[in-house]
């Protein structure tokens, strides 16, 4: 009996040891602050589950370094002067796996932390500078964060918040109050769930910017919510602020000048050069920092000659003549504005029109319509939930036709920019993987499925490879099919493969294309129930963990919005 009890105790102890030594992969819920100024060193707290402290961190730039501090969840972050402004990815990992990467924003403006209590506009946290980034949290139900800013007469107060775009489960609101506490500006959504409010001061004085938010996905009750994970970055400025560029795109392979659009830009009237000379065929968007302000801007990349809209062109009779192929740049400059373009077509000639507005962070909810020269509608398409319309159309007869674009809600303004393309991109390909991280036990094999899309008739030979594999792990790719579909690669770990955890890239290459074309498979960072762009929508650096034990169970999934 004693022997049996002792044997049972030994078994239970062994099982307990296995459980204890097999920690879960990190599961961070937020980074606070979620960004810092270029060249600075900041302390960052990472909330969530980080077993086996210290937990290592990988970033997408060698100059951005997260060093674990003594206290669990805290890191000293060094932001090198060579780290480009904008959102970067940081990933936390241990010997049992890696978390999905999260964005960390590198900016050019001074940054501060929110200080409570500041719910009441009469007790607002005073901002000492004319431009600053506030890192804050909406920590409790009903939380409202207030910030006092001084503005000269005629200056615009601009308040722009990133929260949803950071991955926070919050739908933020921004409002501006005058000195009496009366609301003078309000915004709930822009191109995504994040908000931006701008108001021109009627007189010199001190005004209040407030931030609060609702849970996303929405809760049963409509009320301001709070959580330690409701992290945000709020830019408040009475100085130059760039939101968009115009024209909102450039021709691939060229260097082109664009104008900044935004507030307090009188002295900026400045243009900025955009270099699209090194973009590849499937690169649709460029991201750049405005030289004057440091704001992150989105620029489209097109394939044909760029044409800019010329007013007046509101009626079919006044439609602007265009010669195709061309990419059209314009704006719905006032409520009710309609832009029309006239072109000739042959019977049964096919046109595939693509509007790009929301994709460029424009508030335009586009309606695209084909008309005859008398203004009679032939066919139309409208924007969906945060998406831009596409319209396929065959000319019914030889003749002249008119394409019309407007806002489907009758809105308009200087920021309602758009681009219309009618030619497809050149033949190219894309590849996606279902998840951001993989695990293989030594002596075992893990099979990864890649979804391949051959676009616009791309038929060239493709090869598959994996970059960054550790010693003892090899890749056995299947032949890449000559059609769109699924292709597999096996990751094989030898029996004596050492434990490791590191980045890999799954590459598809077209060696016979000139110049050779190579592209990493991507995974989505958007989450479910997407309501517009995140700061980074997709990742291409995946992760591989090699261990001498089975993969631990994944952390429970949180609802994403």
Protein backbone atom coordinates (compact mmCIF):
# COMPACT_ATOMS: atom_id res chain seq x y z
CA UNK A 1 0.00 0.00 0.00
CA UNK A 2 2.81 2.37 0.96
CA UNK A 3 4.55 1.64 -2.36
CA UNK A 4 1.37 2.46 -4.31
CA UNK A 5 0.87 5.73 -2.47
CA UNK A 6 4.48 6.66 -3.06
CA UNK A 7 4.20 5.77 -6.77
CA UNK A 8 1.02 7.85 -7.10
CA UNK A 9 2.71 10.80 -5.39
CA UNK A 10 5.64 10.53 -7.77
CA UNK A 11 3.32 10.53 -10.80
CA UNK A 12 1.36 13.51 -9.51
CA UNK A 13 4.57 15.41 -8.76
CA UNK A 14 5.84 14.70 -12.29
CA UNK A 15 2.59 15.94 -13.82
CA UNK A 16 2.71 19.03 -11.62
CA UNK A 17 6.30 19.71 -12.72
CA UNK A 18 5.33 19.43 -16.38
CA UNK A 19 2.47 21.89 -15.93
CA UNK A 20 4.66 24.33 -14.01
CA UNK A 21 7.52 24.29 -16.50
CA UNK A 22 5.21 24.72 -19.48
CA UNK A 23 4.25 28.36 -19.16
CA UNK A 24 1.81 29.90 -21.58
CA UNK A 25 2.98 32.13 -24.39
CA UNK A 26 2.76 35.85 -23.52
CA UNK A 27 -0.67 37.44 -23.89
CA UNK A 28 -0.24 41.24 -23.64
CA UNK A 29 -3.38 43.36 -23.57
CA UNK A 30 -1.90 46.83 -23.92
CA UNK A 31 1.26 48.94 -23.98
CA UNK A 32 1.32 52.14 -21.95
CA UNK A 33 2.45 54.49 -23.19
CA UNK A 34 1.98 53.06 -26.65
CA UNK A 35 4.58 55.28 -28.25
CA UNK A 36 7.41 57.74 -27.72
CA UNK A 37 9.44 60.48 -29.34
CA UNK A 38 12.25 59.65 -31.74
CA UNK A 39 15.56 59.66 -29.87
CA UNK A 40 13.98 59.29 -26.40
CA UNK A 41 14.09 56.62 -23.70
CA UNK A 42 10.73 55.84 -22.08
CA UNK A 43 9.33 53.44 -19.49
CA UNK A 44 6.55 51.24 -20.86
CA UNK A 45 4.16 49.04 -18.90
CA UNK A 46 2.77 46.00 -20.68
CA UNK A 47 -0.53 44.79 -19.26
CA UNK A 48 -1.77 41.22 -19.57
CA UNK A 49 -0.18 37.83 -18.98
CA UNK A 50 3.61 37.66 -19.23
CA UNK A 51 4.61 34.35 -17.66
CA UNK A 52 8.23 33.46 -16.95
CA UNK A 53 9.53 36.98 -16.39
CA UNK A 54 11.68 38.45 -17.82
CA UNK A 55 9.86 38.15 -21.15
CA UNK A 56 11.85 39.06 -24.24
CA UNK A 57 10.70 41.48 -26.91
CA UNK A 58 11.39 41.67 -30.66
CA UNK A 59 10.79 44.81 -32.72
CA UNK A 60 10.80 45.50 -36.45
CA UNK A 61 13.68 47.99 -36.17
CA UNK A 62 17.07 47.38 -34.58
CA UNK A 63 17.07 50.91 -33.15
CA UNK A 64 13.85 50.29 -31.19
CA UNK A 65 14.85 48.25 -28.12
CA UNK A 66 12.59 46.92 -25.34
CA UNK A 67 14.67 45.91 -22.30
CA UNK A 68 12.85 44.10 -19.46
CA UNK A 69 13.02 45.94 -16.13
CA UNK A 70 13.09 44.34 -12.69
CA UNK A 71 9.35 44.59 -12.13
CA UNK A 72 7.21 42.22 -14.17
CA UNK A 73 5.52 43.88 -17.14
CA UNK A 74 7.81 46.92 -17.23
CA UNK A 75 10.29 47.72 -19.98
CA UNK A 76 12.84 50.44 -20.64
CA UNK A 77 12.38 51.39 -24.29
CA UNK A 78 15.15 53.09 -26.23
CA UNK A 79 14.03 54.80 -29.44
CA UNK A 80 17.02 55.44 -31.67
CA UNK A 81 17.35 58.63 -33.67
CA UNK A 82 17.35 56.49 -36.83
CA UNK A 83 13.96 54.87 -36.13
CA UNK A 84 11.55 56.17 -38.75
CA UNK A 85 8.44 58.01 -37.50
CA UNK A 86 5.24 56.00 -37.60
CA UNK A 87 3.92 52.74 -36.22
CA UNK A 88 6.31 49.85 -35.57
CA UNK A 89 5.60 46.30 -34.46
CA UNK A 90 6.76 44.82 -31.14
CA UNK A 91 6.33 41.17 -30.24
CA UNK A 92 6.72 39.57 -26.80
CA UNK A 93 7.92 35.97 -26.59
CA UNK A 94 9.21 33.26 -24.27
CA UNK A 95 10.27 29.64 -24.70
CA UNK A 96 6.66 28.54 -25.15
CA UNK A 97 5.56 30.87 -27.90
CA UNK A 98 4.98 34.43 -28.98
CA UNK A 99 2.19 36.95 -28.77
CA UNK A 100 0.66 38.64 -31.78
CA UNK A 101 2.71 41.77 -32.49
CA UNK A 102 1.32 45.09 -31.31
CA UNK A 103 1.96 48.62 -32.62
CA UNK A 104 4.29 51.07 -30.91
CA UNK A 105 4.28 54.57 -32.39
CA UNK A 106 7.43 56.62 -32.90
CA UNK A 107 6.70 60.34 -33.23
CA UNK A 108 8.49 63.64 -33.69
CA UNK A 109 6.48 65.64 -31.16
CA UNK A 110 7.02 65.96 -27.40
CA UNK A 111 5.03 63.42 -25.37
CA UNK A 112 3.52 63.47 -21.87
CA UNK A 113 1.40 61.21 -19.68
CA UNK A 114 -2.17 61.95 -18.67
CA UNK A 115 -2.53 62.92 -15.00
CA UNK A 116 -5.70 62.24 -12.98
CA UNK A 117 -7.99 63.67 -11.70
CA UNK A 118 -9.03 65.50 -14.85
CA UNK A 119 -12.67 64.52 -15.45
CA UNK A 120 -14.04 68.03 -14.87
CA UNK A 121 -13.16 70.65 -17.49
CA UNK A 122 -12.53 73.07 -14.61
CA UNK A 123 -9.78 70.71 -13.36
CA UNK A 124 -8.33 69.95 -16.79
CA UNK A 125 -4.71 68.96 -17.09
CA UNK A 126 -2.93 72.00 -18.49
CA UNK A 127 -0.84 71.50 -21.63
CA UNK A 128 2.20 73.74 -21.48
CA UNK A 129 3.13 73.46 -25.18
CA UNK A 130 1.29 74.36 -28.35
CA UNK A 131 1.76 70.85 -29.69
CA UNK A 132 2.02 67.68 -27.65
CA UNK A 133 1.08 64.00 -27.68
CA UNK A 134 -0.77 62.86 -24.56
CA UNK A 135 -0.61 59.18 -23.64
CA UNK A 136 -3.65 58.31 -21.58
CA UNK A 137 -6.11 55.66 -20.38
CA UNK A 138 -9.85 55.66 -19.91
CA UNK A 139 -9.55 53.48 -16.84
CA UNK A 140 -13.00 53.54 -15.26
CA UNK A 141 -16.63 53.59 -16.33
CA UNK A 142 -17.64 57.12 -17.21
CA UNK A 143 -14.03 58.32 -17.33
CA UNK A 144 -13.53 61.63 -19.15
CA UNK A 145 -10.02 63.03 -19.64
CA UNK A 146 -9.77 66.83 -19.95
CA UNK A 147 -6.83 68.90 -21.21
CA UNK A 148 -6.56 72.70 -21.19
CA UNK A 149 -4.87 74.36 -24.16
CA UNK A 150 -4.20 78.04 -24.87
CA UNK A 151 -4.96 79.31 -28.36
CA UNK A 152 -4.52 82.64 -30.12
CA UNK A 153 -7.42 84.19 -32.00
CA UNK A 154 -7.81 82.62 -35.43
CA UNK A 155 -5.72 79.55 -34.63
CA UNK A 156 -7.19 76.11 -35.11
CA UNK A 157 -7.21 73.76 -32.15
CA UNK A 158 -6.75 70.23 -33.50
CA UNK A 159 -7.26 67.14 -31.37
CA UNK A 160 -6.72 63.71 -32.95
CA UNK A 161 -6.87 60.44 -31.04
CA UNK A 162 -5.55 56.97 -31.86
CA UNK A 163 -7.13 54.19 -29.80
CA UNK A 164 -8.99 51.73 -32.00
CA UNK A 165 -6.06 51.93 -34.44
CA UNK A 166 -3.73 50.84 -31.63
CA UNK A 167 -5.85 47.75 -30.93
CA UNK A 168 -7.67 49.21 -27.90
CA UNK A 169 -11.20 47.87 -27.49
CA UNK A 170 -12.64 51.36 -27.35
CA UNK A 171 -14.61 53.63 -29.67
CA UNK A 172 -13.30 57.09 -28.66
CA UNK A 173 -14.96 60.50 -28.78
CA UNK A 174 -13.19 63.88 -28.88
CA UNK A 175 -14.79 67.22 -28.11
CA UNK A 176 -13.59 70.80 -27.61
CA UNK A 177 -15.16 73.12 -25.02
CA UNK A 178 -14.97 76.88 -24.79
CA UNK A 179 -14.02 78.74 -21.59
CA UNK A 180 -17.59 78.36 -20.25
CA UNK A 181 -17.59 74.60 -20.81
CA UNK A 182 -19.86 74.82 -23.87
CA UNK A 183 -19.08 72.28 -26.56
CA UNK A 184 -17.90 73.95 -29.78
CA UNK A 185 -16.58 70.91 -31.67
CA UNK A 186 -17.29 67.17 -31.54
CA UNK A 187 -16.24 64.09 -33.47
CA UNK A 188 -16.92 60.38 -33.05
CA UNK A 189 -15.52 58.62 -36.15
CA UNK A 190 -13.16 59.39 -39.02
CA UNK A 191 -11.94 56.84 -41.59
CA UNK A 192 -12.13 54.36 -38.70
CA UNK A 193 -13.53 54.48 -35.15
CA UNK A 194 -10.93 56.99 -33.98
CA UNK A 195 -11.88 60.66 -33.70
CA UNK A 196 -10.51 64.04 -34.77
CA UNK A 197 -11.97 67.43 -33.85
CA UNK A 198 -10.80 70.82 -35.14
CA UNK A 199 -12.09 74.28 -34.20
CA UNK A 200 -10.91 77.79 -34.96
CA UNK A 201 -10.64 79.98 -31.87
CA UNK A 202 -12.88 83.07 -32.12
CA UNK A 203 -10.79 84.85 -29.51
CA UNK A 204 -7.58 84.24 -27.57
CA UNK A 205 -8.17 82.11 -24.50
CA UNK A 206 -7.93 78.74 -22.80
CA UNK A 207 -10.02 75.90 -24.20
CA UNK A 208 -10.57 72.30 -23.16
CA UNK A 209 -10.09 69.11 -25.18
CA UNK A 210 -11.93 66.10 -23.76
CA UNK A 211 -11.68 62.39 -24.55
CA UNK A 212 -14.08 59.62 -23.53
CA UNK A 213 -15.16 56.38 -25.13
CA UNK A 214 -17.54 53.49 -25.57
CA UNK A 215 -16.71 49.81 -25.54
CA UNK A 216 -16.06 48.19 -28.90
CA UNK A 217 -17.61 45.82 -29.83
CA UNK A 218 -20.58 47.76 -28.38
CA UNK A 219 -21.98 46.84 -24.97
CA UNK A 220 -25.69 46.36 -24.32
CA UNK A 221 -25.94 49.82 -22.76
CA UNK A 222 -24.80 53.02 -24.46
CA UNK A 223 -22.57 54.60 -21.83
CA UNK A 224 -18.99 55.76 -21.47
CA UNK A 225 -16.87 52.77 -20.48
CA UNK A 226 -13.44 52.26 -18.99
CA UNK A 227 -10.65 49.71 -18.63
CA UNK A 228 -6.92 49.66 -17.95
CA UNK A 229 -6.61 48.46 -21.55
CA UNK A 230 -8.45 51.52 -22.98
CA UNK A 231 -5.15 53.12 -23.99
CA UNK A 232 -4.99 56.09 -26.35
CA UNK A 233 -2.61 58.61 -27.91
CA UNK A 234 -4.02 62.11 -28.26
CA UNK A 235 -2.31 64.75 -30.38
CA UNK A 236 -3.32 68.29 -29.38
CA UNK A 237 -1.93 71.23 -31.32
CA UNK A 238 -2.52 74.84 -32.22
CA UNK A 239 0.32 74.58 -34.73
CA UNK A 240 0.59 73.00 -38.19
CA UNK A 241 -1.19 69.66 -38.54
CA UNK A 242 -1.25 67.68 -41.81
CA UNK A 243 -4.08 65.21 -42.39
CA UNK A 244 -4.01 64.43 -46.13
CA UNK A 245 -2.11 65.14 -49.32
CA UNK A 246 -3.36 66.35 -52.70
CA UNK A 247 -3.14 64.95 -55.27
CA UNK A 248 -3.67 61.91 -53.09
CA UNK A 249 -1.52 59.64 -55.22
CA UNK A 250 1.51 59.45 -57.48
CA UNK A 251 2.54 57.44 -60.52
CA UNK A 252 4.62 54.36 -59.87
CA UNK A 253 8.27 54.77 -60.73
CA UNK A 254 8.20 58.55 -60.45
CA UNK A 255 9.00 61.31 -57.98
CA UNK A 256 6.08 63.69 -57.59
CA UNK A 257 5.14 66.73 -55.53
CA UNK A 258 2.04 66.75 -53.33
CA UNK A 259 0.51 69.48 -51.18
CA UNK A 260 -0.24 69.05 -47.49
CA UNK A 261 -3.86 69.43 -46.37
CA UNK A 262 -4.79 70.16 -42.79
CA UNK A 263 -4.90 73.06 -40.33
CA UNK A 264 -2.63 75.98 -39.47
CA UNK A 265 -0.65 75.30 -42.63
CA UNK A 266 -0.56 78.85 -43.95
CA UNK A 267 3.23 78.95 -43.93
CA UNK A 268 3.42 75.40 -45.13
CA UNK A 269 1.71 75.95 -48.36
CA UNK A 270 4.63 73.85 -48.93
CA UNK A 271 4.72 70.82 -51.14
CA UNK A 272 6.46 67.57 -50.32
CA UNK A 273 8.19 65.21 -52.69
CA UNK A 274 7.00 61.60 -52.77
CA UNK A 275 9.35 58.99 -54.21
CA UNK A 276 7.56 56.00 -55.75
CA UNK A 277 10.51 54.94 -57.87
CA UNK A 278 11.28 51.82 -55.84
CA UNK A 279 7.77 50.44 -55.30
CA UNK A 280 6.92 46.93 -56.45
CA UNK A 281 3.93 45.95 -58.58
CA UNK A 282 1.65 44.99 -55.67
CA UNK A 283 2.54 47.98 -53.47
CA UNK A 284 -0.61 50.11 -53.46
CA UNK A 285 0.04 52.53 -50.60
CA UNK A 286 3.01 54.52 -49.36
CA UNK A 287 3.31 55.85 -45.81
CA UNK A 288 5.38 58.93 -45.12
CA UNK A 289 5.90 61.51 -42.41
CA UNK A 290 5.06 65.11 -43.32
CA UNK A 291 8.38 66.96 -43.31
CA UNK A 292 6.79 70.03 -41.70
CA UNK A 293 4.73 68.40 -38.94
CA UNK A 294 5.73 64.74 -38.63
CA UNK A 295 2.16 63.57 -39.17
CA UNK A 296 1.73 60.14 -40.76
CA UNK A 297 0.23 60.42 -44.25
CA UNK A 298 -1.07 57.90 -46.76
CA UNK A 299 -0.27 58.18 -50.48
CA UNK A 300 -1.73 56.01 -53.24
CA UNK A 301 0.42 54.57 -56.01
CA UNK A 302 -1.06 54.36 -59.53
CA UNK A 303 -0.04 52.89 -62.85
CA UNK A 304 -1.11 55.54 -65.38
CA UNK A 305 -0.89 59.26 -66.02
CA UNK A 306 -2.23 61.41 -63.18
CA UNK A 307 -5.09 63.80 -64.00
CA UNK A 308 -6.37 66.45 -61.58
CA UNK A 309 -10.01 67.53 -61.55
CA UNK A 310 -10.78 71.01 -62.90
CA UNK A 311 -13.93 72.90 -61.87
CA UNK A 312 -16.60 73.66 -62.96
CA UNK A 313 -17.60 70.11 -63.86
CA UNK A 314 -20.87 69.62 -61.97
CA UNK A 315 -23.16 69.00 -64.96
CA UNK A 316 -23.03 66.52 -67.81
CA UNK A 317 -22.60 69.41 -70.25
CA UNK A 318 -19.63 70.74 -68.27
CA UNK A 319 -18.01 67.33 -67.66
CA UNK A 320 -14.22 67.50 -67.78
CA UNK A 321 -12.90 65.69 -70.90
CA UNK A 322 -10.34 63.00 -70.14
CA UNK A 323 -8.26 60.64 -72.23
CA UNK A 324 -7.96 57.12 -70.90
CA UNK A 325 -6.02 55.43 -69.46
CA UNK A 326 -5.63 57.86 -66.55
CA UNK A 327 -5.91 58.05 -62.77
CA UNK A 328 -8.22 60.85 -61.63
CA UNK A 329 -7.56 63.02 -58.57
CA UNK A 330 -10.28 65.26 -57.20
CA UNK A 331 -12.29 66.39 -54.23
CA UNK A 332 -15.96 66.89 -53.43
CA UNK A 333 -15.24 70.42 -52.31
CA UNK A 334 -18.63 71.41 -50.86
CA UNK A 335 -21.94 69.81 -49.85
CA UNK A 336 -23.85 68.65 -52.90
CA UNK A 337 -20.81 68.87 -55.19
CA UNK A 338 -20.69 66.42 -58.11
CA UNK A 339 -17.60 65.89 -60.23
CA UNK A 340 -18.10 64.65 -63.79
CA UNK A 341 -15.65 63.37 -66.38
CA UNK A 342 -16.42 62.69 -70.06
CA UNK A 343 -14.70 60.04 -72.18
CA UNK A 344 -15.26 58.07 -75.36
CA UNK A 345 -15.85 54.32 -75.50
CA UNK A 346 -16.46 51.59 -78.05
CA UNK A 347 -19.43 49.25 -77.91
CA UNK A 348 -18.90 46.47 -75.32
CA UNK A 349 -15.65 48.03 -74.14
CA UNK A 350 -15.12 47.01 -70.50
CA UNK A 351 -14.31 49.48 -67.74
CA UNK A 352 -13.43 48.47 -64.17
CA UNK A 353 -13.49 51.58 -62.00
CA UNK A 354 -12.04 51.66 -58.48
CA UNK A 355 -12.56 54.59 -56.11
CA UNK A 356 -9.97 55.16 -53.39
CA UNK A 357 -11.13 57.56 -50.66
CA UNK A 358 -11.65 55.78 -47.33
CA UNK A 359 -8.43 53.86 -48.05
CA UNK A 360 -6.64 57.23 -48.08
CA UNK A 361 -8.30 58.36 -44.82
CA UNK A 362 -10.72 60.66 -46.64
CA UNK A 363 -14.19 61.09 -45.06
CA UNK A 364 -15.83 60.81 -48.49
CA UNK A 365 -18.56 58.15 -48.67
CA UNK A 366 -18.36 57.86 -52.44
CA UNK A 367 -21.16 57.21 -54.93
CA UNK A 368 -19.88 56.44 -58.42
CA UNK A 369 -22.29 56.59 -61.36
CA UNK A 370 -22.17 56.15 -65.13
CA UNK A 371 -24.38 58.52 -67.15
CA UNK A 372 -25.09 59.35 -70.79
CA UNK A 373 -24.39 62.84 -72.10
CA UNK A 374 -27.87 63.97 -71.04
CA UNK A 375 -27.15 63.06 -67.41
CA UNK A 376 -29.37 59.96 -67.44
CA UNK A 377 -28.00 57.40 -64.94
CA UNK A 378 -26.94 54.06 -66.40
CA UNK A 379 -25.45 52.22 -63.38
CA UNK A 380 -23.99 53.16 -59.99
CA UNK A 381 -22.25 51.80 -56.89
CA UNK A 382 -21.88 53.23 -53.39
CA UNK A 383 -19.46 52.94 -50.46
CA UNK A 384 -20.03 50.11 -48.02
CA UNK A 385 -19.12 49.97 -44.34
CA UNK A 386 -15.79 51.78 -44.51
CA UNK A 387 -15.04 50.47 -48.00
CA UNK A 388 -14.72 52.24 -51.35
CA UNK A 389 -16.95 51.38 -54.33
CA UNK A 390 -15.94 49.42 -57.41
CA UNK A 391 -17.93 49.61 -60.63
CA UNK A 392 -17.66 47.26 -63.59
CA UNK A 393 -19.38 48.51 -66.75
CA UNK A 394 -19.60 47.68 -70.47
CA UNK A 395 -20.31 50.51 -72.91
CA UNK A 396 -23.66 49.77 -74.61
CA UNK A 397 -22.67 51.53 -77.86
CA UNK A 398 -19.97 53.66 -79.44
CA UNK A 399 -20.11 57.18 -78.04
CA UNK A 400 -19.31 59.62 -75.26
CA UNK A 401 -20.16 58.78 -71.66
CA UNK A 402 -19.92 60.58 -68.33
CA UNK A 403 -18.64 59.29 -65.02
CA UNK A 404 -19.98 61.14 -61.94
CA UNK A 405 -18.77 60.99 -58.35
CA UNK A 406 -20.32 62.56 -55.24
CA UNK A 407 -20.81 61.93 -51.53
CA UNK A 408 -23.75 59.61 -50.93
CA UNK A 409 -24.88 61.75 -47.98
CA UNK A 410 -24.50 65.07 -49.79
CA UNK A 411 -21.48 66.12 -47.74
CA UNK A 412 -18.30 67.78 -48.96
CA UNK A 413 -15.29 69.83 -47.98
CA UNK A 414 -11.56 70.39 -48.55
CA UNK A 415 -10.78 66.98 -47.07
CA UNK A 416 -13.23 64.94 -49.21
CA UNK A 417 -10.51 63.82 -51.60
CA UNK A 418 -10.63 60.82 -53.92
CA UNK A 419 -8.86 58.92 -56.65
CA UNK A 420 -10.53 56.95 -59.43
CA UNK A 421 -8.60 54.26 -61.28
CA UNK A 422 -9.93 52.33 -64.25
CA UNK A 423 -7.03 50.04 -65.02
CA UNK A 424 -5.98 47.01 -63.07
CA UNK A 425 -2.60 46.72 -61.45
CA UNK A 426 0.04 44.91 -63.48
CA UNK A 427 0.17 41.13 -63.01
CA UNK A 428 1.31 40.33 -59.47
CA UNK A 429 0.75 37.89 -56.65
CA UNK A 430 0.06 37.92 -52.92
CA UNK A 431 0.23 35.23 -50.24
CA UNK A 432 -1.31 34.99 -46.80
CA UNK A 433 -0.87 32.72 -43.79
CA UNK A 434 -3.59 31.99 -41.23
CA UNK A 435 -1.70 33.05 -38.12
CA UNK A 436 1.29 35.05 -36.93
CA UNK A 437 3.23 32.30 -35.09
CA UNK A 438 4.08 28.61 -35.37
CA UNK A 439 5.42 25.94 -33.02
CA UNK A 440 7.34 22.73 -33.71
CA UNK A 441 8.50 20.09 -31.25
CA UNK A 442 11.96 18.64 -31.93
CA UNK A 443 11.68 15.39 -33.81
CA UNK A 444 8.30 16.50 -35.17
CA UNK A 445 6.84 18.31 -38.19
CA UNK A 446 4.48 21.26 -38.50
CA UNK A 447 2.64 21.87 -41.75
CA UNK A 448 1.88 25.47 -42.73
CA UNK A 449 -0.77 26.31 -45.29
CA UNK A 450 -0.27 29.38 -47.46
CA UNK A 451 -3.05 30.89 -49.56
CA UNK A 452 -1.75 32.13 -52.90
CA UNK A 453 -3.53 34.68 -55.09
CA UNK A 454 -2.35 35.21 -58.65
CA UNK A 455 -3.69 38.61 -59.65
CA UNK A 456 -4.33 40.23 -63.02
CA UNK A 457 -3.27 37.14 -64.95
CA UNK A 458 0.07 36.53 -63.24
CA UNK A 459 1.31 33.18 -64.64
CA UNK A 460 5.03 33.20 -63.93
CA UNK A 461 6.75 30.37 -62.06
CA UNK A 462 6.84 30.81 -58.27
CA UNK A 463 9.09 29.19 -55.68
CA UNK A 464 8.55 28.91 -51.95
CA UNK A 465 11.17 29.24 -49.22
CA UNK A 466 11.46 30.10 -45.52
CA UNK A 467 13.95 32.70 -44.26
CA UNK A 468 15.40 32.72 -40.76
CA UNK A 469 15.05 29.04 -39.80
CA UNK A 470 17.15 28.09 -36.74
CA UNK A 471 19.73 25.29 -36.75
CA UNK A 472 18.11 21.87 -36.77
CA UNK A 473 14.96 23.01 -38.59
CA UNK A 474 14.47 22.59 -42.33
CA UNK A 475 11.67 23.52 -44.70
CA UNK A 476 10.15 21.12 -47.21
CA UNK A 477 7.94 23.18 -49.53
CA UNK A 478 5.43 21.71 -51.93
CA UNK A 479 5.47 22.80 -55.56
CA UNK A 480 3.70 26.11 -56.03
CA UNK A 481 0.62 25.66 -58.25
CA UNK A 482 0.23 27.65 -61.46
CA UNK A 483 -3.19 28.84 -60.29
CA UNK A 484 -4.47 30.63 -57.21
CA UNK A 485 -5.04 28.29 -54.30
CA UNK A 486 -3.33 26.64 -51.39
CA UNK A 487 0.32 25.62 -51.09
CA UNK A 488 1.97 23.92 -48.13
CA UNK A 489 5.37 23.90 -46.51
CA UNK A 490 6.54 21.46 -43.82
CA UNK A 491 8.80 22.68 -41.04
CA UNK A 492 10.82 19.69 -39.84
CA UNK A 493 12.74 19.82 -36.56
CA UNK A 494 15.48 17.24 -36.02
CA UNK A 495 15.46 15.19 -32.82
CA UNK A 496 18.43 17.17 -31.47
CA UNK A 497 17.17 20.62 -32.52
CA UNK A 498 17.85 23.11 -29.74
CA UNK A 499 15.07 25.14 -28.17
CA UNK A 500 14.73 28.50 -29.90
CA UNK A 501 12.31 31.29 -30.58
CA UNK A 502 12.73 33.74 -33.42
CA UNK A 503 11.40 35.51 -36.51
CA UNK A 504 10.88 33.81 -39.85
CA UNK A 505 9.52 34.91 -43.21
CA UNK A 506 7.68 32.67 -45.64
CA UNK A 507 8.74 33.88 -49.07
CA UNK A 508 7.29 33.42 -52.53
CA UNK A 509 9.57 34.44 -55.37
CA UNK A 510 9.30 34.81 -59.14
CA UNK A 511 12.93 34.24 -60.22
CA UNK A 512 12.22 34.52 -63.95
CA UNK A 513 10.60 37.97 -63.72
CA UNK A 514 12.90 40.89 -64.50
CA UNK A 515 13.74 42.34 -62.13
CA UNK A 516 13.11 39.29 -59.89
CA UNK A 517 10.07 39.70 -57.66
CA UNK A 518 9.91 38.36 -54.10
CA UNK A 519 7.18 38.80 -51.49
CA UNK A 520 6.64 37.58 -47.93
CA UNK A 521 3.36 35.94 -46.96
CA UNK A 522 1.34 38.19 -44.67
CA UNK A 523 -1.09 37.69 -41.80
CA UNK A 524 -3.86 40.01 -40.67
CA UNK A 525 -3.60 42.26 -37.61
CA UNK A 526 -7.07 43.76 -38.09
CA UNK A 527 -8.97 41.46 -35.73
CA UNK A 528 -12.63 40.63 -36.26
CA UNK A 529 -15.49 43.03 -36.93
CA UNK A 530 -13.18 45.50 -38.66
CA UNK A 531 -14.30 49.13 -38.53
CA UNK A 532 -11.58 50.76 -40.58
CA UNK A 533 -7.81 50.74 -40.66
CA UNK A 534 -5.48 49.96 -37.80
CA UNK A 535 -2.12 51.70 -37.64
CA UNK A 536 -0.69 48.49 -39.10
CA UNK A 537 -3.14 46.16 -40.83
CA UNK A 538 -0.84 43.27 -41.76
CA UNK A 539 2.44 41.71 -40.69
CA UNK A 540 4.95 39.78 -42.76
CA UNK A 541 7.49 38.66 -40.13
CA UNK A 542 6.08 35.48 -38.57
CA UNK A 543 7.45 33.63 -35.55
CA UNK A 544 8.74 30.10 -34.94
CA UNK A 545 9.16 28.46 -31.53
CA UNK A 546 11.13 25.20 -31.29
CA UNK A 547 10.89 23.20 -28.04
CA UNK A 548 11.42 19.71 -26.70
CA UNK A 549 7.80 19.45 -25.55
CA UNK A 550 4.38 19.72 -27.14
CA UNK A 551 2.95 23.12 -27.94
CA UNK A 552 1.18 24.72 -24.98
CA UNK A 553 -2.50 25.53 -25.34
CA UNK A 554 -3.07 28.97 -26.85
CA UNK A 555 -4.28 31.75 -24.53
CA UNK A 556 -8.03 32.34 -24.58
CA UNK A 557 -9.01 34.60 -27.44
CA UNK A 558 -10.37 38.03 -26.66
CA UNK A 559 -13.10 39.54 -28.75
CA UNK A 560 -11.64 42.00 -31.20
CA UNK A 561 -13.32 44.85 -32.92
